[in-house]
Amino acid sequence: MYIPAHFAARDVAPLQALIAGHAFGLLISGGAADMVASHVPFLYEPDHAPHGRLVCHLAAANGQAAALDGQAVLCIFQGVHGYVSPNWYAKKPAVPTWNYTAVHAYGRASVTRDPARLRNIVERLTAIYEGPNGWKLSDEPESFATGLLRGIVGIEIPVERLEGKFKLSQNRPAADVAGVIANLRRLGGDANVALAEAMQQAADEAAARRPQG
């Protein structure tokens, strides 16, 4: 990923938080001639060395799964993002851009077909998205659950390297940053407000790092 210095997210904690908060990611594997990708929800286990472990499952019929064991993979997670108009800047000339946050996680995949491990993956994922009173695999007949688990494979990826890019107008003067934040909030909507909040947090952290006169 191309990461200019002013957009580099070097602290691990924000990268881990982005993965946990935007866990529907892109699993990419293969070489130039046979590159393939699947869109899947991940479990992230941050305590697994060196940079956590990603866990997901694929349909057993998915061709990517057949060749995945032992392969180097890239997992991409997209955080908040949105369009930025040059009309929102105090300093001109300027051009349109797109602000965003993203994390790339690199590792080597291993495939599991162990029924107990597969059940654990499914149960943990559904607990996150269903909540404590939602659907559970145990709600279904055991014969159905057994058949379901035969139709998937589990993927485990110890993360060897994390890259983060938080492009939040850090290269613009403070007045421009304030203008973008104000206009995103004026436009409203969850995505714009979330981007404005991320920009404000980045601006506040940058201000706190500056030497006090």
N, C-alpha and C. Protein backbone atom coordinates (compact mmCIF):
# COMPACT_ATOMS: atom_id res chain seq x y z
N MET A 1 0.85 -1.18 0.00
CA MET A 1 0.00 0.00 0.00
C MET A 1 0.89 1.25 0.00
N TYR A 2 0.56 2.21 -0.84
CA TYR A 2 1.30 3.47 -0.88
C TYR A 2 0.89 4.30 0.33
N ILE A 3 1.89 4.64 1.18
CA ILE A 3 1.58 5.35 2.42
C ILE A 3 2.55 6.51 2.59
N PRO A 4 2.19 7.73 2.17
CA PRO A 4 3.01 8.90 2.49
C PRO A 4 3.17 9.03 4.01
N ALA A 5 4.29 9.60 4.41
CA ALA A 5 4.63 9.62 5.84
C ALA A 5 3.54 10.25 6.70
N HIS A 6 2.90 11.34 6.19
CA HIS A 6 1.93 12.02 7.05
C HIS A 6 0.63 11.24 7.20
N PHE A 7 0.43 10.16 6.41
CA PHE A 7 -0.78 9.34 6.55
C PHE A 7 -0.50 7.99 7.21
N ALA A 8 0.75 7.72 7.57
CA ALA A 8 1.12 6.42 8.12
C ALA A 8 0.59 6.28 9.54
N ALA A 9 -0.12 5.18 9.79
CA ALA A 9 -0.61 4.86 11.13
C ALA A 9 0.36 3.83 11.73
N ARG A 10 1.23 4.29 12.60
CA ARG A 10 2.32 3.44 13.09
C ARG A 10 1.98 2.73 14.39
N ASP A 11 1.04 3.26 15.17
CA ASP A 11 0.66 2.60 16.41
C ASP A 11 -0.22 1.40 16.11
N VAL A 12 0.04 0.28 16.78
CA VAL A 12 -0.69 -0.95 16.50
C VAL A 12 -2.13 -0.87 16.99
N ALA A 13 -2.36 -0.23 18.13
CA ALA A 13 -3.70 -0.24 18.73
C ALA A 13 -4.79 0.29 17.80
N PRO A 14 -4.60 1.44 17.11
CA PRO A 14 -5.64 1.90 16.18
C PRO A 14 -5.87 0.95 15.01
N LEU A 15 -4.82 0.27 14.57
CA LEU A 15 -4.98 -0.69 13.48
C LEU A 15 -5.82 -1.88 13.94
N GLN A 16 -5.54 -2.36 15.13
CA GLN A 16 -6.32 -3.47 15.68
C GLN A 16 -7.76 -3.05 15.91
N ALA A 17 -7.97 -1.82 16.37
CA ALA A 17 -9.33 -1.34 16.60
C ALA A 17 -10.10 -1.24 15.30
N LEU A 18 -9.44 -0.80 14.22
CA LEU A 18 -10.12 -0.72 12.93
C LEU A 18 -10.54 -2.10 12.45
N ILE A 19 -9.66 -3.09 12.58
CA ILE A 19 -10.01 -4.45 12.17
C ILE A 19 -11.22 -4.94 12.97
N ALA A 20 -11.17 -4.75 14.28
CA ALA A 20 -12.26 -5.23 15.13
C ALA A 20 -13.58 -4.53 14.80
N GLY A 21 -13.50 -3.24 14.47
CA GLY A 21 -14.71 -2.47 14.22
C GLY A 21 -15.23 -2.55 12.80
N HIS A 22 -14.40 -3.01 11.87
CA HIS A 22 -14.78 -3.13 10.46
C HIS A 22 -14.33 -4.51 9.97
N ALA A 23 -14.89 -5.54 10.58
CA ALA A 23 -14.35 -6.89 10.43
C ALA A 23 -14.79 -7.59 9.15
N PHE A 24 -15.65 -6.97 8.35
CA PHE A 24 -16.00 -7.56 7.06
C PHE A 24 -14.92 -7.14 6.08
N GLY A 25 -14.04 -8.08 5.76
CA GLY A 25 -12.85 -7.74 4.99
C GLY A 25 -12.73 -8.52 3.70
N LEU A 26 -11.59 -8.34 3.07
CA LEU A 26 -11.30 -8.96 1.78
C LEU A 26 -10.09 -9.87 1.95
N LEU A 27 -10.27 -11.15 1.65
CA LEU A 27 -9.20 -12.14 1.74
C LEU A 27 -8.66 -12.39 0.33
N ILE A 28 -7.39 -12.04 0.11
CA ILE A 28 -6.78 -12.11 -1.22
C ILE A 28 -5.63 -13.11 -1.19
N SER A 29 -5.59 -13.98 -2.19
CA SER A 29 -4.52 -14.96 -2.28
C SER A 29 -4.21 -15.23 -3.74
N GLY A 30 -3.12 -15.98 -3.97
CA GLY A 30 -2.74 -16.36 -5.32
C GLY A 30 -1.70 -15.43 -5.91
N GLY A 31 -1.13 -15.85 -7.03
CA GLY A 31 -0.14 -15.06 -7.73
C GLY A 31 -0.77 -14.21 -8.80
N ALA A 32 0.07 -13.61 -9.62
CA ALA A 32 -0.41 -12.67 -10.64
C ALA A 32 -1.36 -13.34 -11.62
N ALA A 33 -1.14 -14.62 -11.92
CA ALA A 33 -1.95 -15.29 -12.93
C ALA A 33 -3.24 -15.87 -12.37
N ASP A 34 -3.29 -16.09 -11.04
CA ASP A 34 -4.46 -16.76 -10.47
C ASP A 34 -4.95 -16.07 -9.20
N MET A 35 -4.81 -14.76 -9.12
CA MET A 35 -5.23 -14.02 -7.94
C MET A 35 -6.73 -14.14 -7.76
N VAL A 36 -7.15 -14.34 -6.49
CA VAL A 36 -8.57 -14.52 -6.19
C VAL A 36 -8.85 -13.87 -4.84
N ALA A 37 -10.11 -13.45 -4.64
CA ALA A 37 -10.48 -12.77 -3.40
C ALA A 37 -11.86 -13.21 -2.96
N SER A 38 -12.07 -13.22 -1.64
CA SER A 38 -13.38 -13.49 -1.06
C SER A 38 -13.69 -12.41 -0.03
N HIS A 39 -14.96 -11.99 0.00
CA HIS A 39 -15.43 -11.02 0.98
C HIS A 39 -16.03 -11.78 2.15
N VAL A 40 -15.44 -11.65 3.33
CA VAL A 40 -15.87 -12.47 4.46
C VAL A 40 -15.79 -11.68 5.77
N PRO A 41 -16.64 -12.03 6.75
CA PRO A 41 -16.46 -11.48 8.10
C PRO A 41 -15.35 -12.25 8.82
N PHE A 42 -14.51 -11.52 9.50
CA PHE A 42 -13.38 -12.12 10.22
C PHE A 42 -13.60 -12.01 11.73
N LEU A 43 -13.03 -12.96 12.43
CA LEU A 43 -12.77 -12.82 13.86
C LEU A 43 -11.32 -12.36 14.00
N TYR A 44 -11.09 -11.42 14.91
CA TYR A 44 -9.72 -10.97 15.14
C TYR A 44 -9.33 -11.28 16.57
N GLU A 45 -8.22 -12.01 16.71
CA GLU A 45 -7.70 -12.39 18.02
C GLU A 45 -6.41 -11.62 18.26
N PRO A 46 -6.48 -10.44 18.89
CA PRO A 46 -5.31 -9.55 18.96
C PRO A 46 -4.17 -10.07 19.81
N ASP A 47 -4.43 -10.99 20.73
CA ASP A 47 -3.39 -11.45 21.64
C ASP A 47 -2.49 -12.51 21.03
N HIS A 48 -2.82 -12.99 19.86
CA HIS A 48 -2.00 -14.00 19.20
C HIS A 48 -0.79 -13.33 18.56
N ALA A 49 0.44 -13.80 18.89
CA ALA A 49 1.67 -13.19 18.39
C ALA A 49 1.85 -13.45 16.90
N PRO A 50 2.55 -12.56 16.17
CA PRO A 50 3.10 -11.29 16.65
C PRO A 50 2.13 -10.11 16.55
N HIS A 51 1.15 -10.17 15.66
CA HIS A 51 0.23 -9.04 15.48
C HIS A 51 -1.23 -9.47 15.50
N GLY A 52 -1.51 -10.57 16.18
CA GLY A 52 -2.87 -11.08 16.22
C GLY A 52 -3.09 -12.18 15.21
N ARG A 53 -4.28 -12.74 15.24
CA ARG A 53 -4.66 -13.79 14.30
C ARG A 53 -6.04 -13.50 13.75
N LEU A 54 -6.20 -13.69 12.45
CA LEU A 54 -7.49 -13.55 11.78
C LEU A 54 -8.07 -14.93 11.53
N VAL A 55 -9.37 -15.06 11.77
CA VAL A 55 -10.06 -16.33 11.61
C VAL A 55 -11.33 -16.09 10.81
N CYS A 56 -11.61 -16.95 9.85
CA CYS A 56 -12.84 -16.85 9.07
C CYS A 56 -13.19 -18.23 8.55
N HIS A 57 -14.27 -18.32 7.79
CA HIS A 57 -14.56 -19.57 7.11
C HIS A 57 -15.03 -19.27 5.69
N LEU A 58 -14.80 -20.23 4.82
CA LEU A 58 -15.22 -20.16 3.43
C LEU A 58 -16.06 -21.39 3.10
N ALA A 59 -16.90 -21.26 2.10
CA ALA A 59 -17.60 -22.44 1.61
C ALA A 59 -16.57 -23.43 1.07
N ALA A 60 -16.79 -24.71 1.38
CA ALA A 60 -15.86 -25.73 0.91
C ALA A 60 -15.80 -25.76 -0.62
N ALA A 61 -16.88 -25.32 -1.26
CA ALA A 61 -16.92 -25.29 -2.72
C ALA A 61 -16.20 -24.10 -3.32
N ASN A 62 -15.80 -23.15 -2.49
CA ASN A 62 -15.08 -21.98 -2.96
C ASN A 62 -13.68 -22.41 -3.44
N GLY A 63 -13.38 -22.16 -4.69
CA GLY A 63 -12.10 -22.58 -5.25
C GLY A 63 -10.90 -21.98 -4.52
N GLN A 64 -11.07 -20.84 -3.90
CA GLN A 64 -9.97 -20.24 -3.16
C GLN A 64 -9.55 -21.12 -2.00
N ALA A 65 -10.53 -21.75 -1.34
CA ALA A 65 -10.23 -22.57 -0.18
C ALA A 65 -9.35 -23.77 -0.53
N ALA A 66 -9.54 -24.33 -1.71
CA ALA A 66 -8.84 -25.55 -2.10
C ALA A 66 -7.33 -25.36 -2.16
N ALA A 67 -6.89 -24.15 -2.50
CA ALA A 67 -5.46 -23.91 -2.68
C ALA A 67 -4.87 -22.99 -1.61
N LEU A 68 -5.62 -22.79 -0.51
CA LEU A 68 -5.23 -21.75 0.44
C LEU A 68 -4.24 -22.21 1.49
N ASP A 69 -4.24 -23.48 1.82
CA ASP A 69 -3.42 -23.95 2.94
C ASP A 69 -1.94 -23.66 2.69
N GLY A 70 -1.31 -22.92 3.59
CA GLY A 70 0.10 -22.59 3.48
C GLY A 70 0.41 -21.38 2.61
N GLN A 71 -0.59 -20.80 1.98
CA GLN A 71 -0.35 -19.66 1.09
C GLN A 71 -0.19 -18.35 1.85
N ALA A 72 0.65 -17.47 1.32
CA ALA A 72 0.71 -16.09 1.80
C ALA A 72 -0.55 -15.37 1.34
N VAL A 73 -1.15 -14.61 2.24
CA VAL A 73 -2.41 -13.92 1.92
C VAL A 73 -2.34 -12.47 2.41
N LEU A 74 -3.24 -11.69 1.82
CA LEU A 74 -3.43 -10.30 2.23
C LEU A 74 -4.90 -10.13 2.58
N CYS A 75 -5.15 -9.55 3.76
CA CYS A 75 -6.51 -9.24 4.20
C CYS A 75 -6.64 -7.73 4.31
N ILE A 76 -7.67 -7.17 3.68
CA ILE A 76 -7.87 -5.72 3.63
C ILE A 76 -9.12 -5.35 4.41
N PHE A 77 -8.99 -4.32 5.25
CA PHE A 77 -10.10 -3.83 6.05
C PHE A 77 -10.26 -2.32 5.79
N GLN A 78 -11.46 -1.92 5.43
CA GLN A 78 -11.76 -0.52 5.11
C GLN A 78 -12.53 0.11 6.27
N GLY A 79 -11.99 1.22 6.79
CA GLY A 79 -12.67 1.94 7.86
C GLY A 79 -13.51 3.08 7.30
N VAL A 80 -13.59 4.17 8.06
CA VAL A 80 -14.38 5.32 7.62
C VAL A 80 -13.76 5.92 6.37
N HIS A 81 -14.63 6.49 5.50
CA HIS A 81 -14.13 7.11 4.28
C HIS A 81 -15.20 8.03 3.71
N GLY A 82 -14.76 8.97 2.85
CA GLY A 82 -15.71 9.87 2.22
C GLY A 82 -15.03 10.89 1.33
N TYR A 83 -15.85 11.50 0.48
CA TYR A 83 -15.40 12.50 -0.48
C TYR A 83 -15.12 13.83 0.22
N VAL A 84 -14.07 14.52 -0.26
CA VAL A 84 -13.71 15.84 0.26
C VAL A 84 -13.67 16.82 -0.91
N SER A 85 -14.50 17.85 -0.84
CA SER A 85 -14.57 18.86 -1.90
C SER A 85 -13.54 19.95 -1.68
N PRO A 86 -12.88 20.43 -2.75
CA PRO A 86 -11.95 21.56 -2.59
C PRO A 86 -12.67 22.83 -2.14
N ASN A 87 -13.98 22.91 -2.32
CA ASN A 87 -14.74 24.08 -1.85
C ASN A 87 -14.76 24.19 -0.33
N TRP A 88 -14.36 23.12 0.35
CA TRP A 88 -14.37 23.14 1.81
C TRP A 88 -13.06 23.65 2.39
N TYR A 89 -12.06 23.91 1.53
CA TYR A 89 -10.76 24.38 1.98
C TYR A 89 -10.72 25.90 2.04
N ALA A 90 -9.96 26.41 2.99
CA ALA A 90 -9.68 27.85 3.02
C ALA A 90 -8.55 28.20 2.06
N LYS A 91 -7.61 27.27 1.88
CA LYS A 91 -6.44 27.52 1.04
C LYS A 91 -6.70 27.00 -0.36
N LYS A 92 -6.50 27.83 -1.37
CA LYS A 92 -6.66 27.46 -2.77
C LYS A 92 -5.36 27.79 -3.52
N PRO A 93 -5.08 27.20 -4.70
CA PRO A 93 -5.91 26.21 -5.39
C PRO A 93 -5.89 24.86 -4.70
N ALA A 94 -6.88 24.04 -5.02
CA ALA A 94 -7.00 22.71 -4.42
C ALA A 94 -7.80 21.82 -5.36
N VAL A 95 -7.74 20.53 -5.11
CA VAL A 95 -8.46 19.57 -5.93
C VAL A 95 -9.28 18.65 -5.02
N PRO A 96 -10.26 17.95 -5.60
CA PRO A 96 -11.02 16.98 -4.80
C PRO A 96 -10.12 15.83 -4.34
N THR A 97 -10.53 15.18 -3.26
CA THR A 97 -9.81 14.00 -2.79
C THR A 97 -10.78 13.10 -2.04
N TRP A 98 -10.25 12.01 -1.55
CA TRP A 98 -11.05 11.07 -0.76
C TRP A 98 -10.28 10.77 0.51
N ASN A 99 -10.89 11.02 1.65
CA ASN A 99 -10.28 10.67 2.92
C ASN A 99 -10.74 9.27 3.34
N TYR A 100 -9.84 8.53 3.99
CA TYR A 100 -10.20 7.17 4.37
C TYR A 100 -9.22 6.60 5.39
N THR A 101 -9.64 5.52 6.00
CA THR A 101 -8.76 4.73 6.86
C THR A 101 -8.81 3.29 6.38
N ALA A 102 -7.65 2.64 6.39
CA ALA A 102 -7.59 1.26 5.89
C ALA A 102 -6.42 0.53 6.55
N VAL A 103 -6.58 -0.77 6.70
CA VAL A 103 -5.52 -1.62 7.25
C VAL A 103 -5.32 -2.81 6.32
N HIS A 104 -4.05 -3.11 6.04
CA HIS A 104 -3.68 -4.32 5.31
C HIS A 104 -2.98 -5.26 6.29
N ALA A 105 -3.43 -6.49 6.35
CA ALA A 105 -2.84 -7.50 7.23
C ALA A 105 -2.28 -8.63 6.37
N TYR A 106 -1.03 -8.99 6.63
CA TYR A 106 -0.34 -10.01 5.84
C TYR A 106 -0.03 -11.22 6.73
N GLY A 107 -0.18 -12.40 6.18
CA GLY A 107 0.16 -13.61 6.91
C GLY A 107 0.10 -14.82 6.00
N ARG A 108 0.19 -15.98 6.63
CA ARG A 108 0.14 -17.24 5.87
C ARG A 108 -1.02 -18.06 6.41
N ALA A 109 -1.90 -18.47 5.52
CA ALA A 109 -3.14 -19.12 5.92
C ALA A 109 -2.94 -20.60 6.21
N SER A 110 -3.71 -21.09 7.15
CA SER A 110 -3.84 -22.53 7.34
C SER A 110 -5.32 -22.87 7.33
N VAL A 111 -5.63 -24.03 6.80
CA VAL A 111 -7.02 -24.47 6.63
C VAL A 111 -7.33 -25.56 7.65
N THR A 112 -8.48 -25.43 8.30
CA THR A 112 -8.92 -26.47 9.22
C THR A 112 -10.28 -27.01 8.79
N ARG A 113 -10.44 -28.30 8.92
CA ARG A 113 -11.73 -28.96 8.68
C ARG A 113 -12.22 -29.67 9.94
N ASP A 114 -11.56 -29.37 11.06
CA ASP A 114 -11.94 -29.99 12.33
C ASP A 114 -13.33 -29.51 12.74
N PRO A 115 -14.30 -30.41 12.93
CA PRO A 115 -15.67 -29.99 13.23
C PRO A 115 -15.79 -29.13 14.48
N ALA A 116 -15.02 -29.44 15.51
CA ALA A 116 -15.11 -28.65 16.74
C ALA A 116 -14.60 -27.23 16.51
N ARG A 117 -13.54 -27.09 15.76
CA ARG A 117 -13.00 -25.76 15.47
C ARG A 117 -13.96 -24.99 14.57
N LEU A 118 -14.54 -25.66 13.58
CA LEU A 118 -15.50 -25.00 12.71
C LEU A 118 -16.72 -24.53 13.48
N ARG A 119 -17.21 -25.36 14.37
CA ARG A 119 -18.36 -24.97 15.19
C ARG A 119 -18.03 -23.74 16.03
N ASN A 120 -16.83 -23.72 16.59
CA ASN A 120 -16.40 -22.58 17.40
C ASN A 120 -16.38 -21.29 16.57
N ILE A 121 -15.88 -21.37 15.34
CA ILE A 121 -15.84 -20.20 14.47
C ILE A 121 -17.25 -19.69 14.18
N VAL A 122 -18.14 -20.59 13.80
CA VAL A 122 -19.52 -20.20 13.48
C VAL A 122 -20.21 -19.62 14.71
N GLU A 123 -20.05 -20.27 15.85
CA GLU A 123 -20.72 -19.80 17.06
C GLU A 123 -20.20 -18.43 17.51
N ARG A 124 -18.90 -18.20 17.37
CA ARG A 124 -18.35 -16.90 17.77
C ARG A 124 -18.81 -15.79 16.84
N LEU A 125 -18.81 -16.07 15.55
CA LEU A 125 -19.27 -15.06 14.59
C LEU A 125 -20.74 -14.71 14.81
N THR A 126 -21.58 -15.71 14.97
CA THR A 126 -23.00 -15.43 15.13
C THR A 126 -23.29 -14.75 16.46
N ALA A 127 -22.52 -15.05 17.49
CA ALA A 127 -22.71 -14.37 18.77
C ALA A 127 -22.44 -12.88 18.65
N ILE A 128 -21.45 -12.51 17.82
CA ILE A 128 -21.13 -11.09 17.63
C ILE A 128 -22.29 -10.38 16.95
N TYR A 129 -22.83 -10.97 15.90
CA TYR A 129 -23.80 -10.26 15.07
C TYR A 129 -25.25 -10.51 15.48
N GLU A 130 -25.52 -11.60 16.18
CA GLU A 130 -26.87 -11.88 16.66
C GLU A 130 -27.12 -11.29 18.04
N GLY A 131 -26.06 -11.15 18.85
CA GLY A 131 -26.26 -10.72 20.22
C GLY A 131 -26.64 -11.89 21.11
N PRO A 132 -26.77 -11.63 22.42
CA PRO A 132 -26.96 -12.73 23.38
C PRO A 132 -28.27 -13.49 23.22
N ASN A 133 -29.28 -12.85 22.64
CA ASN A 133 -30.59 -13.50 22.54
C ASN A 133 -30.95 -13.89 21.11
N GLY A 134 -29.97 -13.86 20.22
CA GLY A 134 -30.24 -14.13 18.81
C GLY A 134 -30.11 -15.60 18.45
N TRP A 135 -30.08 -15.84 17.14
CA TRP A 135 -29.98 -17.20 16.63
C TRP A 135 -28.68 -17.86 17.05
N LYS A 136 -28.76 -19.13 17.35
CA LYS A 136 -27.57 -19.93 17.68
C LYS A 136 -27.60 -21.21 16.85
N LEU A 137 -26.42 -21.70 16.53
CA LEU A 137 -26.34 -22.95 15.79
C LEU A 137 -27.04 -24.06 16.55
N SER A 138 -26.98 -24.01 17.87
CA SER A 138 -27.61 -25.04 18.70
C SER A 138 -29.13 -24.99 18.63
N ASP A 139 -29.69 -23.92 18.06
CA ASP A 139 -31.15 -23.86 17.87
C ASP A 139 -31.62 -24.84 16.80
N GLU A 140 -30.71 -25.24 15.93
CA GLU A 140 -31.08 -26.10 14.81
C GLU A 140 -30.84 -27.57 15.15
N PRO A 141 -31.49 -28.49 14.43
CA PRO A 141 -31.24 -29.92 14.67
C PRO A 141 -29.76 -30.24 14.46
N GLU A 142 -29.25 -31.17 15.25
CA GLU A 142 -27.83 -31.50 15.16
C GLU A 142 -27.47 -32.02 13.77
N SER A 143 -28.39 -32.71 13.13
CA SER A 143 -28.10 -33.21 11.78
C SER A 143 -27.90 -32.05 10.80
N PHE A 144 -28.66 -30.97 10.98
CA PHE A 144 -28.50 -29.79 10.14
C PHE A 144 -27.15 -29.14 10.40
N ALA A 145 -26.79 -28.98 11.68
CA ALA A 145 -25.51 -28.36 12.04
C ALA A 145 -24.34 -29.18 11.48
N THR A 146 -24.44 -30.49 11.58
CA THR A 146 -23.36 -31.34 11.07
C THR A 146 -23.19 -31.17 9.58
N GLY A 147 -24.31 -31.11 8.86
CA GLY A 147 -24.23 -30.90 7.42
C GLY A 147 -23.67 -29.55 7.07
N LEU A 148 -24.06 -28.52 7.83
CA LEU A 148 -23.54 -27.17 7.60
C LEU A 148 -22.03 -27.14 7.76
N LEU A 149 -21.54 -27.75 8.81
CA LEU A 149 -20.10 -27.72 9.08
C LEU A 149 -19.31 -28.50 8.04
N ARG A 150 -19.93 -29.51 7.44
CA ARG A 150 -19.25 -30.24 6.37
C ARG A 150 -19.09 -29.37 5.13
N GLY A 151 -19.91 -28.35 5.01
CA GLY A 151 -19.88 -27.52 3.81
C GLY A 151 -18.98 -26.31 3.89
N ILE A 152 -18.22 -26.16 4.99
CA ILE A 152 -17.32 -25.03 5.13
C ILE A 152 -15.93 -25.49 5.55
N VAL A 153 -14.96 -24.62 5.36
CA VAL A 153 -13.61 -24.83 5.88
C VAL A 153 -13.21 -23.60 6.68
N GLY A 154 -12.47 -23.81 7.74
CA GLY A 154 -11.99 -22.71 8.56
C GLY A 154 -10.63 -22.23 8.09
N ILE A 155 -10.42 -20.92 8.20
CA ILE A 155 -9.14 -20.31 7.79
C ILE A 155 -8.57 -19.58 9.00
N GLU A 156 -7.32 -19.87 9.30
CA GLU A 156 -6.61 -19.19 10.39
C GLU A 156 -5.36 -18.53 9.82
N ILE A 157 -5.18 -17.24 10.14
CA ILE A 157 -4.08 -16.46 9.57
C ILE A 157 -3.35 -15.72 10.69
N PRO A 158 -2.25 -16.26 11.20
CA PRO A 158 -1.42 -15.46 12.12
C PRO A 158 -0.86 -14.25 11.36
N VAL A 159 -1.11 -13.07 11.88
CA VAL A 159 -0.73 -11.84 11.18
C VAL A 159 0.75 -11.56 11.40
N GLU A 160 1.49 -11.55 10.32
CA GLU A 160 2.93 -11.30 10.39
C GLU A 160 3.27 -9.82 10.24
N ARG A 161 2.40 -9.08 9.56
CA ARG A 161 2.68 -7.66 9.33
C ARG A 161 1.37 -6.90 9.17
N LEU A 162 1.32 -5.71 9.77
CA LEU A 162 0.18 -4.82 9.64
C LEU A 162 0.62 -3.51 9.01
N GLU A 163 -0.16 -3.01 8.06
CA GLU A 163 0.06 -1.69 7.49
C GLU A 163 -1.22 -0.88 7.66
N GLY A 164 -1.07 0.36 8.08
CA GLY A 164 -2.24 1.22 8.23
C GLY A 164 -2.06 2.55 7.56
N LYS A 165 -3.11 3.00 6.87
CA LYS A 165 -3.11 4.32 6.25
C LYS A 165 -4.36 5.05 6.71
N PHE A 166 -4.16 6.14 7.45
CA PHE A 166 -5.25 6.98 7.91
C PHE A 166 -5.11 8.33 7.22
N LYS A 167 -5.76 8.46 6.09
CA LYS A 167 -5.68 9.68 5.29
C LYS A 167 -6.79 10.62 5.73
N LEU A 168 -6.46 11.55 6.60
CA LEU A 168 -7.46 12.38 7.27
C LEU A 168 -7.10 13.86 7.21
N SER A 169 -6.55 14.26 6.06
CA SER A 169 -6.17 15.67 5.80
C SER A 169 -5.04 16.15 6.69
N GLN A 170 -4.18 15.23 7.14
CA GLN A 170 -3.06 15.66 7.99
C GLN A 170 -2.07 16.54 7.23
N ASN A 171 -2.12 16.52 5.90
CA ASN A 171 -1.21 17.33 5.09
C ASN A 171 -1.77 18.73 4.79
N ARG A 172 -2.94 19.06 5.31
CA ARG A 172 -3.58 20.35 5.05
C ARG A 172 -3.45 21.27 6.26
N PRO A 173 -3.50 22.59 6.04
CA PRO A 173 -3.49 23.53 7.17
C PRO A 173 -4.70 23.31 8.08
N ALA A 174 -4.56 23.78 9.30
CA ALA A 174 -5.61 23.57 10.30
C ALA A 174 -6.95 24.14 9.86
N ALA A 175 -6.94 25.27 9.16
CA ALA A 175 -8.19 25.87 8.70
C ALA A 175 -8.89 24.97 7.69
N ASP A 176 -8.12 24.30 6.84
CA ASP A 176 -8.70 23.39 5.86
C ASP A 176 -9.31 22.18 6.56
N VAL A 177 -8.60 21.64 7.54
CA VAL A 177 -9.11 20.49 8.29
C VAL A 177 -10.43 20.86 8.97
N ALA A 178 -10.46 22.03 9.58
CA ALA A 178 -11.68 22.48 10.25
C ALA A 178 -12.82 22.64 9.25
N GLY A 179 -12.52 23.14 8.06
CA GLY A 179 -13.55 23.31 7.05
C GLY A 179 -14.12 21.98 6.57
N VAL A 180 -13.26 20.99 6.40
CA VAL A 180 -13.74 19.67 5.97
C VAL A 180 -14.62 19.05 7.06
N ILE A 181 -14.16 19.12 8.29
CA ILE A 181 -14.94 18.56 9.41
C ILE A 181 -16.31 19.22 9.49
N ALA A 182 -16.33 20.54 9.40
CA ALA A 182 -17.60 21.26 9.50
C ALA A 182 -18.56 20.88 8.38
N ASN A 183 -18.05 20.73 7.17
CA ASN A 183 -18.92 20.41 6.04
C ASN A 183 -19.39 18.96 6.07
N LEU A 184 -18.55 18.06 6.54
CA LEU A 184 -19.01 16.69 6.71
C LEU A 184 -20.15 16.61 7.72
N ARG A 185 -20.01 17.35 8.80
CA ARG A 185 -21.07 17.36 9.81
C ARG A 185 -22.33 18.05 9.28
N ARG A 186 -22.14 19.06 8.45
CA ARG A 186 -23.29 19.74 7.86
C ARG A 186 -24.06 18.79 6.93
N LEU A 187 -23.33 18.01 6.16
CA LEU A 187 -23.98 17.06 5.26
C LEU A 187 -24.71 15.97 6.04
N GLY A 188 -24.15 15.56 7.16
CA GLY A 188 -24.78 14.56 8.00
C GLY A 188 -24.73 13.17 7.41
N GLY A 189 -25.40 12.25 8.06
CA GLY A 189 -25.32 10.84 7.69
C GLY A 189 -24.23 10.15 8.49
N ASP A 190 -24.45 8.88 8.78
CA ASP A 190 -23.51 8.16 9.64
C ASP A 190 -22.09 8.16 9.10
N ALA A 191 -21.94 7.95 7.79
CA ALA A 191 -20.60 7.85 7.21
C ALA A 191 -19.86 9.17 7.30
N ASN A 192 -20.53 10.28 6.97
CA ASN A 192 -19.88 11.59 7.02
C ASN A 192 -19.53 11.98 8.45
N VAL A 193 -20.44 11.72 9.38
CA VAL A 193 -20.18 12.07 10.77
C VAL A 193 -19.03 11.23 11.33
N ALA A 194 -19.00 9.95 10.99
CA ALA A 194 -17.90 9.10 11.47
C ALA A 194 -16.56 9.56 10.92
N LEU A 195 -16.52 9.98 9.66
CA LEU A 195 -15.28 10.50 9.08
C LEU A 195 -14.88 11.80 9.76
N ALA A 196 -15.84 12.68 10.02
CA ALA A 196 -15.54 13.93 10.71
C ALA A 196 -14.96 13.66 12.09
N GLU A 197 -15.52 12.71 12.80
CA GLU A 197 -15.01 12.38 14.14
C GLU A 197 -13.59 11.83 14.07
N ALA A 198 -13.32 10.99 13.07
CA ALA A 198 -11.96 10.44 12.92
C ALA A 198 -10.97 11.56 12.60
N MET A 199 -11.38 12.50 11.75
CA MET A 199 -10.52 13.64 11.43
C MET A 199 -10.27 14.50 12.66
N GLN A 200 -11.30 14.73 13.45
CA GLN A 200 -11.14 15.55 14.65
C GLN A 200 -10.20 14.88 15.64
N GLN A 201 -10.34 13.57 15.79
CA GLN A 201 -9.45 12.84 16.69
C GLN A 201 -8.00 12.94 16.22
N ALA A 202 -7.78 12.77 14.91
CA ALA A 202 -6.42 12.87 14.38
C ALA A 202 -5.85 14.27 14.58
N ALA A 203 -6.68 15.29 14.38
CA ALA A 203 -6.23 16.67 14.57
C ALA A 203 -5.89 16.94 16.04
N ASP A 204 -6.72 16.43 16.94
CA ASP A 204 -6.47 16.62 18.38
C ASP A 204 -5.19 15.92 18.81
N GLU A 205 -4.97 14.71 18.29
CA GLU A 205 -3.75 13.97 18.65
C GLU A 205 -2.51 14.67 18.10
N ALA A 206 -2.61 15.22 16.89
CA ALA A 206 -1.47 15.94 16.32
C ALA A 206 -1.16 17.19 17.14
N ALA A 207 -2.21 17.89 17.58
CA ALA A 207 -2.02 19.10 18.39
C ALA A 207 -1.38 18.76 19.73
N ALA A 208 -1.75 17.62 20.30
CA ALA A 208 -1.19 17.23 21.58
C ALA A 208 0.29 16.88 21.47
N ARG A 209 0.70 16.42 20.30
CA ARG A 209 2.12 16.05 20.11
C ARG A 209 3.02 17.25 19.84
N ARG A 210 2.42 18.37 19.44
CA ARG A 210 3.24 19.54 19.12
C ARG A 210 3.83 20.16 20.38
N PRO A 211 5.09 20.60 20.34
CA PRO A 211 5.70 21.24 21.52
C PRO A 211 4.91 22.48 21.94
N GLN A 212 4.76 22.63 23.24
CA GLN A 212 4.06 23.78 23.77
C GLN A 212 5.03 24.94 24.02
N GLY A 213 4.70 26.12 23.49
CA GLY A 213 5.58 27.27 23.65
C GLY A 213 5.41 27.95 24.99
